[in-house]
Amino acid sequence: MASRSHQLEFVVFQGTRQFARCLLDPGEYRIGHDTKNEITIDEPSISARHAVLTMVSEDELYLRDLDSINGTYVDQKPAQGQTAVSTSTEIQIGACSARVRVMRGFR
């Protein structure tokens, strides 16, 4: 089995405060303030079940809003259905910003 030299992570922040960080493997990640979510964000603008991030592969990721009160935006446009995201995508979840980042140095 080949070793990986990097891993993707999803980071949620507001200014300098980091609310959540999650290493990504293929699968579905529910996002919201409910602690049953895979990515929990304790911030008033975040709905209990706010959005879902789906990773099909390192090159295929999608974000879907779950009819949240304060919305989910991808490159400053409302996320409509399954919206493609990448490491260059600007993501806003409620009042928070988010990014998909490459973590180097994994083996």
PDB file of N, CA and C in Angstrom:
ATOM      1  N   MET A   1       0.836  -1.176   0.000  1.00  0.00           N
ATOM      2  CA  MET A   1       0.000   0.000   0.000  1.00  0.00           C
ATOM      3  C   MET A   1       0.887   1.247   0.000  1.00  0.00           C
ATOM      4  N   ALA A   2       0.590   2.185  -0.885  1.00  0.00           N
ATOM      5  CA  ALA A   2       1.377   3.411  -0.989  1.00  0.00           C
ATOM      6  C   ALA A   2       1.043   4.348   0.169  1.00  0.00           C
ATOM      7  N   SER A   3       2.042   5.054   0.657  1.00  0.00           N
ATOM      8  CA  SER A   3       1.792   6.002   1.732  1.00  0.00           C
ATOM      9  C   SER A   3       1.410   7.356   1.141  1.00  0.00           C
ATOM     10  N   ARG A   4       0.603   8.093   1.901  1.00  0.00           N
ATOM     11  CA  ARG A   4       0.178   9.408   1.448  1.00  0.00           C
ATOM     12  C   ARG A   4       1.138  10.453   1.979  1.00  0.00           C
ATOM     13  N   SER A   5       1.402  11.459   1.167  1.00  0.00           N
ATOM     14  CA  SER A   5       2.267  12.540   1.613  1.00  0.00           C
ATOM     15  C   SER A   5       1.459  13.737   2.110  1.00  0.00           C
ATOM     16  N   HIS A   6       0.129  13.669   1.949  1.00  0.00           N
ATOM     17  CA  HIS A   6      -0.713  14.760   2.436  1.00  0.00           C
ATOM     18  C   HIS A   6      -2.114  14.260   2.782  1.00  0.00           C
ATOM     19  N   GLN A   7      -2.853  15.096   3.474  1.00  0.00           N
ATOM     20  CA  GLN A   7      -4.225  14.809   3.884  1.00  0.00           C
ATOM     21  C   GLN A   7      -4.998  16.115   3.790  1.00  0.00           C
ATOM     22  N   LEU A   8      -6.273  16.046   3.434  1.00  0.00           N
ATOM     23  CA  LEU A   8      -7.113  17.241   3.417  1.00  0.00           C
ATOM     24  C   LEU A   8      -7.732  17.434   4.794  1.00  0.00           C
ATOM     25  N   GLU A   9      -7.925  18.706   5.158  1.00  0.00           N
ATOM     26  CA  GLU A   9      -8.626  19.027   6.394  1.00  0.00           C
ATOM     27  C   GLU A   9      -9.611  20.151   6.121  1.00  0.00           C
ATOM     28  N   PHE A  10     -10.667  20.205   6.924  1.00  0.00           N
ATOM     29  CA  PHE A  10     -11.680  21.243   6.850  1.00  0.00           C
ATOM     30  C   PHE A  10     -11.551  22.073   8.114  1.00  0.00           C
ATOM     31  N   VAL A  11     -11.353  23.380   7.962  1.00  0.00           N
ATOM     32  CA  VAL A  11     -11.143  24.267   9.100  1.00  0.00           C
ATOM     33  C   VAL A  11     -12.210  25.357   9.074  1.00  0.00           C
ATOM     34  N   VAL A  12     -12.843  25.603  10.245  1.00  0.00           N
ATOM     35  CA  VAL A  12     -13.858  26.640  10.385  1.00  0.00           C
ATOM     36  C   VAL A  12     -13.334  27.685  11.355  1.00  0.00           C
ATOM     37  N   PHE A  13     -13.407  28.960  10.963  1.00  0.00           N
ATOM     38  CA  PHE A  13     -12.837  30.017  11.785  1.00  0.00           C
ATOM     39  C   PHE A  13     -13.634  31.312  11.625  1.00  0.00           C
ATOM     40  N   GLN A  14     -13.360  32.252  12.521  1.00  0.00           N
ATOM     41  CA  GLN A  14     -13.925  33.594  12.458  1.00  0.00           C
ATOM     42  C   GLN A  14     -12.826  34.514  12.956  1.00  0.00           C
ATOM     43  N   GLY A  15     -12.251  35.296  12.059  1.00  0.00           N
ATOM     44  CA  GLY A  15     -11.088  36.096  12.422  1.00  0.00           C
ATOM     45  C   GLY A  15      -9.943  35.177  12.799  1.00  0.00           C
ATOM     46  N   THR A  16      -9.393  35.354  14.000  1.00  0.00           N
ATOM     47  CA  THR A  16      -8.292  34.498  14.449  1.00  0.00           C
ATOM     48  C   THR A  16      -8.781  33.316  15.292  1.00  0.00           C
ATOM     49  N   ARG A  17     -10.082  33.244  15.563  1.00  0.00           N
ATOM     50  CA  ARG A  17     -10.611  32.148  16.389  1.00  0.00           C
ATOM     51  C   ARG A  17     -10.970  30.945  15.511  1.00  0.00           C
ATOM     52  N   GLN A  18     -10.422  29.799  15.856  1.00  0.00           N
ATOM     53  CA  GLN A  18     -10.732  28.560  15.149  1.00  0.00           C
ATOM     54  C   GLN A  18     -11.837  27.832  15.902  1.00  0.00           C
ATOM     55  N   PHE A  19     -12.937  27.515  15.197  1.00  0.00           N
ATOM     56  CA  PHE A  19     -14.072  26.823  15.817  1.00  0.00           C
ATOM     57  C   PHE A  19     -14.005  25.316  15.637  1.00  0.00           C
ATOM     58  N   ALA A  20     -13.474  24.873  14.515  1.00  0.00           N
ATOM     59  CA  ALA A  20     -13.450  23.427  14.252  1.00  0.00           C
ATOM     60  C   ALA A  20     -12.351  23.098  13.262  1.00  0.00           C
ATOM     61  N   ARG A  21     -11.852  21.867  13.374  1.00  0.00           N
ATOM     62  CA  ARG A  21     -10.843  21.341  12.453  1.00  0.00           C
ATOM     63  C   ARG A  21     -11.103  19.845  12.324  1.00  0.00           C
ATOM     64  N   CYS A  22     -11.181  19.358  11.080  1.00  0.00           N
ATOM     65  CA  CYS A  22     -11.496  17.953  10.867  1.00  0.00           C
ATOM     66  C   CYS A  22     -10.666  17.411   9.707  1.00  0.00           C
ATOM     67  N   LEU A  23      -9.880  16.350   9.974  1.00  0.00           N
ATOM     68  CA  LEU A  23      -9.172  15.668   8.894  1.00  0.00           C
ATOM     69  C   LEU A  23     -10.191  14.901   8.062  1.00  0.00           C
ATOM     70  N   LEU A  24     -10.043  14.949   6.746  1.00  0.00           N
ATOM     71  CA  LEU A  24     -11.045  14.381   5.852  1.00  0.00           C
ATOM     72  C   LEU A  24     -10.595  13.084   5.195  1.00  0.00           C
ATOM     73  N   ASP A  25     -11.472  12.126   5.193  1.00  0.00           N
ATOM     74  CA  ASP A  25     -11.381  10.891   4.424  1.00  0.00           C
ATOM     75  C   ASP A  25     -12.677  10.820   3.638  1.00  0.00           C
ATOM     76  N   PRO A  26     -12.751  10.009   2.592  1.00  0.00           N
ATOM     77  CA  PRO A  26     -14.009   9.910   1.850  1.00  0.00           C
ATOM     78  C   PRO A  26     -15.177   9.603   2.789  1.00  0.00           C
ATOM     79  N   GLY A  27     -16.271  10.340   2.608  1.00  0.00           N
ATOM     80  CA  GLY A  27     -17.453  10.161   3.435  1.00  0.00           C
ATOM     81  C   GLY A  27     -18.236  11.448   3.559  1.00  0.00           C
ATOM     82  N   GLU A  28     -19.221  11.422   4.450  1.00  0.00           N
ATOM     83  CA  GLU A  28     -20.110  12.556   4.659  1.00  0.00           C
ATOM     84  C   GLU A  28     -19.875  13.123   6.045  1.00  0.00           C
ATOM     85  N   TYR A  29     -19.818  14.457   6.142  1.00  0.00           N
ATOM     86  CA  TYR A  29     -19.557  15.151   7.399  1.00  0.00           C
ATOM     87  C   TYR A  29     -20.661  16.179   7.632  1.00  0.00           C
ATOM     88  N   ARG A  30     -21.514  15.925   8.630  1.00  0.00           N
ATOM     89  CA  ARG A  30     -22.557  16.884   8.990  1.00  0.00           C
ATOM     90  C   ARG A  30     -21.915  18.015   9.788  1.00  0.00           C
ATOM     91  N   ILE A  31     -22.373  19.235   9.513  1.00  0.00           N
ATOM     92  CA  ILE A  31     -21.829  20.439  10.134  1.00  0.00           C
ATOM     93  C   ILE A  31     -22.958  21.168  10.852  1.00  0.00           C
ATOM     94  N   GLY A  32     -22.714  21.589  12.099  1.00  0.00           N
ATOM     95  CA  GLY A  32     -23.706  22.358  12.843  1.00  0.00           C
ATOM     96  C   GLY A  32     -23.335  22.454  14.305  1.00  0.00           C
ATOM     97  N   HIS A  33     -24.200  23.118  15.098  1.00  0.00           N
ATOM     98  CA  HIS A  33     -23.852  23.270  16.513  1.00  0.00           C
ATOM     99  C   HIS A  33     -24.267  22.067  17.373  1.00  0.00           C
ATOM    100  N   ASP A  34     -25.072  21.167  16.835  1.00  0.00           N
ATOM    101  CA  ASP A  34     -25.434  19.949  17.570  1.00  0.00           C
ATOM    102  C   ASP A  34     -24.193  19.061  17.714  1.00  0.00           C
ATOM    103  N   THR A  35     -23.941  18.555  18.902  1.00  0.00           N
ATOM    104  CA  THR A  35     -22.736  17.756  19.151  1.00  0.00           C
ATOM    105  C   THR A  35     -22.760  16.393  18.465  1.00  0.00           C
ATOM    106  N   LYS A  36     -23.895  16.004  17.878  1.00  0.00           N
ATOM    107  CA  LYS A  36     -23.967  14.754  17.128  1.00  0.00           C
ATOM    108  C   LYS A  36     -23.386  14.892  15.719  1.00  0.00           C
ATOM    109  N   ASN A  37     -23.078  16.107  15.305  1.00  0.00           N
ATOM    110  CA  ASN A  37     -22.462  16.338  13.995  1.00  0.00           C
ATOM    111  C   ASN A  37     -21.000  15.919  14.012  1.00  0.00           C
ATOM    112  N   GLU A  38     -20.488  15.552  12.850  1.00  0.00           N
ATOM    113  CA  GLU A  38     -19.063  15.230  12.740  1.00  0.00           C
ATOM    114  C   GLU A  38     -18.201  16.483  12.892  1.00  0.00           C
ATOM    115  N   ILE A  39     -18.727  17.628  12.441  1.00  0.00           N
ATOM    116  CA  ILE A  39     -18.026  18.908  12.596  1.00  0.00           C
ATOM    117  C   ILE A  39     -18.943  19.817  13.406  1.00  0.00           C
ATOM    118  N   THR A  40     -18.576  20.044  14.674  1.00  0.00           N
ATOM    119  CA  THR A  40     -19.389  20.838  15.586  1.00  0.00           C
ATOM    120  C   THR A  40     -18.835  22.254  15.673  1.00  0.00           C
ATOM    121  N   ILE A  41     -19.733  23.241  15.484  1.00  0.00           N
ATOM    122  CA  ILE A  41     -19.347  24.644  15.546  1.00  0.00           C
ATOM    123  C   ILE A  41     -20.210  25.335  16.598  1.00  0.00           C
ATOM    124  N   ASP A  42     -19.593  25.731  17.697  1.00  0.00           N
ATOM    125  CA  ASP A  42     -20.303  26.397  18.791  1.00  0.00           C
ATOM    126  C   ASP A  42     -20.272  27.902  18.546  1.00  0.00           C
ATOM    127  N   GLU A  43     -21.210  28.359  17.723  1.00  0.00           N
ATOM    128  CA  GLU A  43     -21.292  29.776  17.351  1.00  0.00           C
ATOM    129  C   GLU A  43     -22.764  30.067  17.070  1.00  0.00           C
ATOM    130  N   PRO A  44     -23.326  31.187  17.590  1.00  0.00           N
ATOM    131  CA  PRO A  44     -24.768  31.448  17.503  1.00  0.00           C
ATOM    132  C   PRO A  44     -25.358  31.486  16.085  1.00  0.00           C
ATOM    133  N   SER A  45     -24.589  31.814  15.070  1.00  0.00           N
ATOM    134  CA  SER A  45     -25.130  31.914  13.704  1.00  0.00           C
ATOM    135  C   SER A  45     -25.236  30.559  13.003  1.00  0.00           C
ATOM    136  N   ILE A  46     -24.786  29.496  13.675  1.00  0.00           N
ATOM    137  CA  ILE A  46     -24.770  28.158  13.083  1.00  0.00           C
ATOM    138  C   ILE A  46     -25.997  27.377  13.548  1.00  0.00           C
ATOM    139  N   SER A  47     -26.731  26.803  12.599  1.00  0.00           N
ATOM    140  CA  SER A  47     -27.905  25.979  12.921  1.00  0.00           C
ATOM    141  C   SER A  47     -27.463  24.635  13.495  1.00  0.00           C
ATOM    142  N   ALA A  48     -28.375  23.955  14.176  1.00  0.00           N
ATOM    143  CA  ALA A  48     -28.061  22.647  14.751  1.00  0.00           C
ATOM    144  C   ALA A  48     -27.589  21.682  13.667  1.00  0.00           C
ATOM    145  N   ARG A  49     -28.275  21.649  12.541  1.00  0.00           N
ATOM    146  CA  ARG A  49     -27.887  20.861  11.362  1.00  0.00           C
ATOM    147  C   ARG A  49     -27.779  21.852  10.213  1.00  0.00           C
ATOM    148  N   HIS A  50     -26.616  22.427  10.026  1.00  0.00           N
ATOM    149  CA  HIS A  50     -26.423  23.552   9.114  1.00  0.00           C
ATOM    150  C   HIS A  50     -26.116  23.123   7.673  1.00  0.00           C
ATOM    151  N   ALA A  51     -25.164  22.207   7.506  1.00  0.00           N
ATOM    152  CA  ALA A  51     -24.713  21.830   6.166  1.00  0.00           C
ATOM    153  C   ALA A  51     -24.088  20.437   6.203  1.00  0.00           C
ATOM    154  N   VAL A  52     -23.805  19.905   5.024  1.00  0.00           N
ATOM    155  CA  VAL A  52     -23.117  18.614   4.901  1.00  0.00           C
ATOM    156  C   VAL A  52     -21.978  18.777   3.904  1.00  0.00           C
ATOM    157  N   LEU A  53     -20.792  18.319   4.292  1.00  0.00           N
ATOM    158  CA  LEU A  53     -19.637  18.256   3.409  1.00  0.00           C
ATOM    159  C   LEU A  53     -19.454  16.798   3.008  1.00  0.00           C
ATOM    160  N   THR A  54     -19.395  16.539   1.713  1.00  0.00           N
ATOM    161  CA  THR A  54     -19.201  15.184   1.214  1.00  0.00           C
ATOM    162  C   THR A  54     -17.887  15.121   0.462  1.00  0.00           C
ATOM    163  N   MET A  55     -17.024  14.192   0.880  1.00  0.00           N
ATOM    164  CA  MET A  55     -15.766  13.970   0.181  1.00  0.00           C
ATOM    165  C   MET A  55     -15.871  12.649  -0.570  1.00  0.00           C
ATOM    166  N   VAL A  56     -15.879  12.723  -1.896  1.00  0.00           N
ATOM    167  CA  VAL A  56     -15.891  11.529  -2.736  1.00  0.00           C
ATOM    168  C   VAL A  56     -14.456  11.056  -2.919  1.00  0.00           C
ATOM    169  N   SER A  57     -13.560  12.008  -3.210  1.00  0.00           N
ATOM    170  CA  SER A  57     -12.124  11.765  -3.338  1.00  0.00           C
ATOM    171  C   SER A  57     -11.420  13.077  -3.032  1.00  0.00           C
ATOM    172  N   GLU A  58     -10.093  13.087  -3.035  1.00  0.00           N
ATOM    173  CA  GLU A  58      -9.358  14.327  -2.765  1.00  0.00           C
ATOM    174  C   GLU A  58      -9.648  15.403  -3.803  1.00  0.00           C
ATOM    175  N   ASP A  59     -10.103  15.004  -4.976  1.00  0.00           N
ATOM    176  CA  ASP A  59     -10.396  15.959  -6.042  1.00  0.00           C
ATOM    177  C   ASP A  59     -11.885  16.215  -6.217  1.00  0.00           C
ATOM    178  N   GLU A  60     -12.719  15.615  -5.382  1.00  0.00           N
ATOM    179  CA  GLU A  60     -14.167  15.750  -5.536  1.00  0.00           C
ATOM    180  C   GLU A  60     -14.831  15.901  -4.165  1.00  0.00           C
ATOM    181  N   LEU A  61     -15.130  17.167  -3.828  1.00  0.00           N
ATOM    182  CA  LEU A  61     -15.790  17.497  -2.569  1.00  0.00           C
ATOM    183  C   LEU A  61     -17.003  18.373  -2.861  1.00  0.00           C
ATOM    184  N   TYR A  62     -18.057  18.181  -2.059  1.00  0.00           N
ATOM    185  CA  TYR A  62     -19.286  18.942  -2.244  1.00  0.00           C
ATOM    186  C   TYR A  62     -19.795  19.439  -0.901  1.00  0.00           C
ATOM    187  N   LEU A  63     -20.429  20.619  -0.930  1.00  0.00           N
ATOM    188  CA  LEU A  63     -21.045  21.197   0.249  1.00  0.00           C
ATOM    189  C   LEU A  63     -22.521  21.425  -0.058  1.00  0.00           C
ATOM    190  N   ARG A  64     -23.385  21.073   0.888  1.00  0.00           N
ATOM    191  CA  ARG A  64     -24.829  21.242   0.708  1.00  0.00           C
ATOM    192  C   ARG A  64     -25.415  21.869   1.957  1.00  0.00           C
ATOM    193  N   ASP A  65     -26.154  22.961   1.797  1.00  0.00           N
ATOM    194  CA  ASP A  65     -26.837  23.612   2.907  1.00  0.00           C
ATOM    195  C   ASP A  65     -28.058  22.779   3.290  1.00  0.00           C
ATOM    196  N   LEU A  66     -28.354  22.699   4.581  1.00  0.00           N
ATOM    197  CA  LEU A  66     -29.499  21.928   5.065  1.00  0.00           C
ATOM    198  C   LEU A  66     -30.632  22.860   5.507  1.00  0.00           C
ATOM    199  N   ASP A  67     -30.954  23.830   4.651  1.00  0.00           N
ATOM    200  CA  ASP A  67     -31.997  24.823   4.943  1.00  0.00           C
ATOM    201  C   ASP A  67     -31.710  25.565   6.246  1.00  0.00           C
ATOM    202  N   SER A  68     -30.451  25.926   6.436  1.00  0.00           N
ATOM    203  CA  SER A  68     -30.042  26.648   7.639  1.00  0.00           C
ATOM    204  C   SER A  68     -30.632  28.060   7.653  1.00  0.00           C
ATOM    205  N   ILE A  69     -30.724  28.642   8.834  1.00  0.00           N
ATOM    206  CA  ILE A  69     -31.278  29.988   8.977  1.00  0.00           C
ATOM    207  C   ILE A  69     -30.348  31.034   8.371  1.00  0.00           C
ATOM    208  N   ASN A  70     -29.034  30.946   8.609  1.00  0.00           N
ATOM    209  CA  ASN A  70     -28.091  31.970   8.156  1.00  0.00           C
ATOM    210  C   ASN A  70     -27.317  31.607   6.896  1.00  0.00           C
ATOM    211  N   GLY A  71     -27.621  30.478   6.297  1.00  0.00           N
ATOM    212  CA  GLY A  71     -27.084  30.138   4.984  1.00  0.00           C
ATOM    213  C   GLY A  71     -25.664  29.602   4.952  1.00  0.00           C
ATOM    214  N   THR A  72     -25.361  29.034   3.800  1.00  0.00           N
ATOM    215  CA  THR A  72     -24.038  28.515   3.459  1.00  0.00           C
ATOM    216  C   THR A  72     -23.690  29.093   2.102  1.00  0.00           C
ATOM    217  N   TYR A  73     -22.510  29.693   1.992  1.00  0.00           N
ATOM    218  CA  TYR A  73     -22.111  30.365   0.758  1.00  0.00           C
ATOM    219  C   TYR A  73     -20.796  29.797   0.240  1.00  0.00           C
ATOM    220  N   VAL A  74     -20.730  29.635  -1.060  1.00  0.00           N
ATOM    221  CA  VAL A  74     -19.527  29.151  -1.731  1.00  0.00           C
ATOM    222  C   VAL A  74     -19.132  30.213  -2.743  1.00  0.00           C
ATOM    223  N   ASP A  75     -17.928  30.756  -2.575  1.00  0.00           N
ATOM    224  CA  ASP A  75     -17.454  31.863  -3.414  1.00  0.00           C
ATOM    225  C   ASP A  75     -18.496  32.976  -3.489  1.00  0.00           C
ATOM    226  N   GLN A  76     -19.037  33.344  -2.336  1.00  0.00           N
ATOM    227  CA  GLN A  76     -19.976  34.440  -2.128  1.00  0.00           C
ATOM    228  C   GLN A  76     -21.345  34.235  -2.759  1.00  0.00           C
ATOM    229  N   LYS A  77     -21.662  33.004  -3.166  1.00  0.00           N
ATOM    230  CA  LYS A  77     -22.976  32.692  -3.717  1.00  0.00           C
ATOM    231  C   LYS A  77     -23.629  31.629  -2.840  1.00  0.00           C
ATOM    232  N   PRO A  78     -24.964  31.708  -2.644  1.00  0.00           N
ATOM    233  CA  PRO A  78     -25.626  30.684  -1.825  1.00  0.00           C
ATOM    234  C   PRO A  78     -25.387  29.282  -2.382  1.00  0.00           C
ATOM    235  N   ALA A  79     -25.067  28.357  -1.496  1.00  0.00           N
ATOM    236  CA  ALA A  79     -24.879  26.962  -1.908  1.00  0.00           C
ATOM    237  C   ALA A  79     -26.240  26.424  -2.324  1.00  0.00           C
ATOM    238  N   GLN A  80     -26.330  25.959  -3.547  1.00  0.00           N
ATOM    239  CA  GLN A  80     -27.582  25.416  -4.089  1.00  0.00           C
ATOM    240  C   GLN A  80     -27.366  23.939  -4.376  1.00  0.00           C
ATOM    241  N   GLY A  81     -28.041  23.068  -3.664  1.00  0.00           N
ATOM    242  CA  GLY A  81     -27.846  21.634  -3.863  1.00  0.00           C
ATOM    243  C   GLY A  81     -26.414  21.243  -3.528  1.00  0.00           C
ATOM    244  N   GLN A  82     -25.905  20.220  -4.208  1.00  0.00           N
ATOM    245  CA  GLN A  82     -24.516  19.787  -4.014  1.00  0.00           C
ATOM    246  C   GLN A  82     -23.620  20.777  -4.759  1.00  0.00           C
ATOM    247  N   THR A  83     -22.869  21.590  -4.040  1.00  0.00           N
ATOM    248  CA  THR A  83     -22.011  22.608  -4.626  1.00  0.00           C
ATOM    249  C   THR A  83     -20.559  22.172  -4.486  1.00  0.00           C
ATOM    250  N   ALA A  84     -19.844  22.111  -5.610  1.00  0.00           N
ATOM    251  CA  ALA A  84     -18.444  21.675  -5.596  1.00  0.00           C
ATOM    252  C   ALA A  84     -17.576  22.668  -4.829  1.00  0.00           C
ATOM    253  N   VAL A  85     -16.644  22.134  -4.027  1.00  0.00           N
ATOM    254  CA  VAL A  85     -15.668  22.951  -3.310  1.00  0.00           C
ATOM    255  C   VAL A  85     -14.277  22.351  -3.507  1.00  0.00           C
ATOM    256  N   SER A  86     -13.258  23.186  -3.326  1.00  0.00           N
ATOM    257  CA  SER A  86     -11.871  22.741  -3.445  1.00  0.00           C
ATOM    258  C   SER A  86     -11.015  23.558  -2.480  1.00  0.00           C
ATOM    259  N   THR A  87      -9.712  23.376  -2.550  1.00  0.00           N
ATOM    260  CA  THR A  87      -8.810  24.114  -1.662  1.00  0.00           C
ATOM    261  C   THR A  87      -8.775  25.608  -1.985  1.00  0.00           C
ATOM    262  N   SER A  88      -9.264  26.022  -3.141  1.00  0.00           N
ATOM    263  CA  SER A  88      -9.271  27.447  -3.490  1.00  0.00           C
ATOM    264  C   SER A  88     -10.632  28.111  -3.250  1.00  0.00           C
ATOM    265  N   THR A  89     -11.606  27.355  -2.759  1.00  0.00           N
ATOM    266  CA  THR A  89     -12.967  27.856  -2.572  1.00  0.00           C
ATOM    267  C   THR A  89     -13.092  28.665  -1.288  1.00  0.00           C
ATOM    268  N   GLU A  90     -13.776  29.827  -1.381  1.00  0.00           N
ATOM    269  CA  GLU A  90     -14.134  30.608  -0.195  1.00  0.00           C
ATOM    270  C   GLU A  90     -15.474  30.089   0.292  1.00  0.00           C
ATOM    271  N   ILE A  91     -15.528  29.667   1.556  1.00  0.00           N
ATOM    272  CA  ILE A  91     -16.744  29.101   2.121  1.00  0.00           C
ATOM    273  C   ILE A  91     -17.165  29.939   3.322  1.00  0.00           C
ATOM    274  N   GLN A  92     -18.471  30.237   3.405  1.00  0.00           N
ATOM    275  CA  GLN A  92     -19.025  30.914   4.574  1.00  0.00           C
ATOM    276  C   GLN A  92     -20.176  30.073   5.097  1.00  0.00           C
ATOM    277  N   ILE A  93     -20.123  29.758   6.380  1.00  0.00           N
ATOM    278  CA  ILE A  93     -21.158  28.984   7.061  1.00  0.00           C
ATOM    279  C   ILE A  93     -21.667  29.865   8.190  1.00  0.00           C
ATOM    280  N   GLY A  94     -22.880  30.401   8.042  1.00  0.00           N
ATOM    281  CA  GLY A  94     -23.353  31.388   9.010  1.00  0.00           C
ATOM    282  C   GLY A  94     -22.390  32.559   9.012  1.00  0.00           C
ATOM    283  N   ALA A  95     -21.945  32.981  10.197  1.00  0.00           N
ATOM    284  CA  ALA A  95     -20.988  34.093  10.304  1.00  0.00           C
ATOM    285  C   ALA A  95     -19.533  33.626  10.268  1.00  0.00           C
ATOM    286  N   CYS A  96     -19.302  32.325  10.065  1.00  0.00           N
ATOM    287  CA  CYS A  96     -17.946  31.765  10.075  1.00  0.00           C
ATOM    288  C   CYS A  96     -17.430  31.545   8.653  1.00  0.00           C
ATOM    289  N   SER A  97     -16.127  31.570   8.523  1.00  0.00           N
ATOM    290  CA  SER A  97     -15.464  31.219   7.276  1.00  0.00           C
ATOM    291  C   SER A  97     -14.940  29.798   7.398  1.00  0.00           C
ATOM    292  N   ALA A  98     -14.741  29.144   6.260  1.00  0.00           N
ATOM    293  CA  ALA A  98     -14.193  27.781   6.278  1.00  0.00           C
ATOM    294  C   ALA A  98     -13.305  27.585   5.065  1.00  0.00           C
ATOM    295  N   ARG A  99     -12.409  26.629   5.170  1.00  0.00           N
ATOM    296  CA  ARG A  99     -11.480  26.296   4.084  1.00  0.00           C
ATOM    297  C   ARG A  99     -11.211  24.809   4.073  1.00  0.00           C
ATOM    298  N   VAL A 100     -10.992  24.277   2.885  1.00  0.00           N
ATOM    299  CA  VAL A 100     -10.418  22.947   2.725  1.00  0.00           C
ATOM    300  C   VAL A 100      -8.931  23.193   2.511  1.00  0.00           C
ATOM    301  N   ARG A 101      -8.095  22.588   3.353  1.00  0.00           N
ATOM    302  CA  ARG A 101      -6.645  22.803   3.251  1.00  0.00           C
ATOM    303  C   ARG A 101      -5.933  21.480   3.079  1.00  0.00           C
ATOM    304  N   VAL A 102      -4.755  21.572   2.482  1.00  0.00           N
ATOM    305  CA  VAL A 102      -3.885  20.399   2.331  1.00  0.00           C
ATOM    306  C   VAL A 102      -2.905  20.391   3.496  1.00  0.00           C
ATOM    307  N   MET A 103      -2.882  19.272   4.232  1.00  0.00           N
ATOM    308  CA  MET A 103      -1.923  19.077   5.302  1.00  0.00           C
ATOM    309  C   MET A 103      -0.808  18.203   4.754  1.00  0.00           C
ATOM    310  N   ARG A 104       0.398  18.690   4.713  1.00  0.00           N
ATOM    311  CA  ARG A 104       1.526  17.935   4.160  1.00  0.00           C
ATOM    312  C   ARG A 104       2.254  17.167   5.264  1.00  0.00           C
ATOM    313  N   GLY A 105       2.995  16.158   4.855  1.00  0.00           N
ATOM    314  CA  GLY A 105       3.829  15.425   5.802  1.00  0.00           C
ATOM    315  C   GLY A 105       3.197  14.156   6.339  1.00  0.00           C
ATOM    316  N   PHE A 106       2.084  13.709   5.769  1.00  0.00           N
ATOM    317  CA  PHE A 106       1.463  12.462   6.232  1.00  0.00           C
ATOM    318  C   PHE A 106       2.129  11.279   5.550  1.00  0.00           C
ATOM    319  N   ARG A 107       2.199  10.159   6.236  1.00  0.00           N
ATOM    320  CA  ARG A 107       2.778   8.931   5.668  1.00  0.00           C
ATOM    321  C   ARG A 107       1.919   7.759   6.022  1.00  0.00           C
TER     322      ARG A 107
END
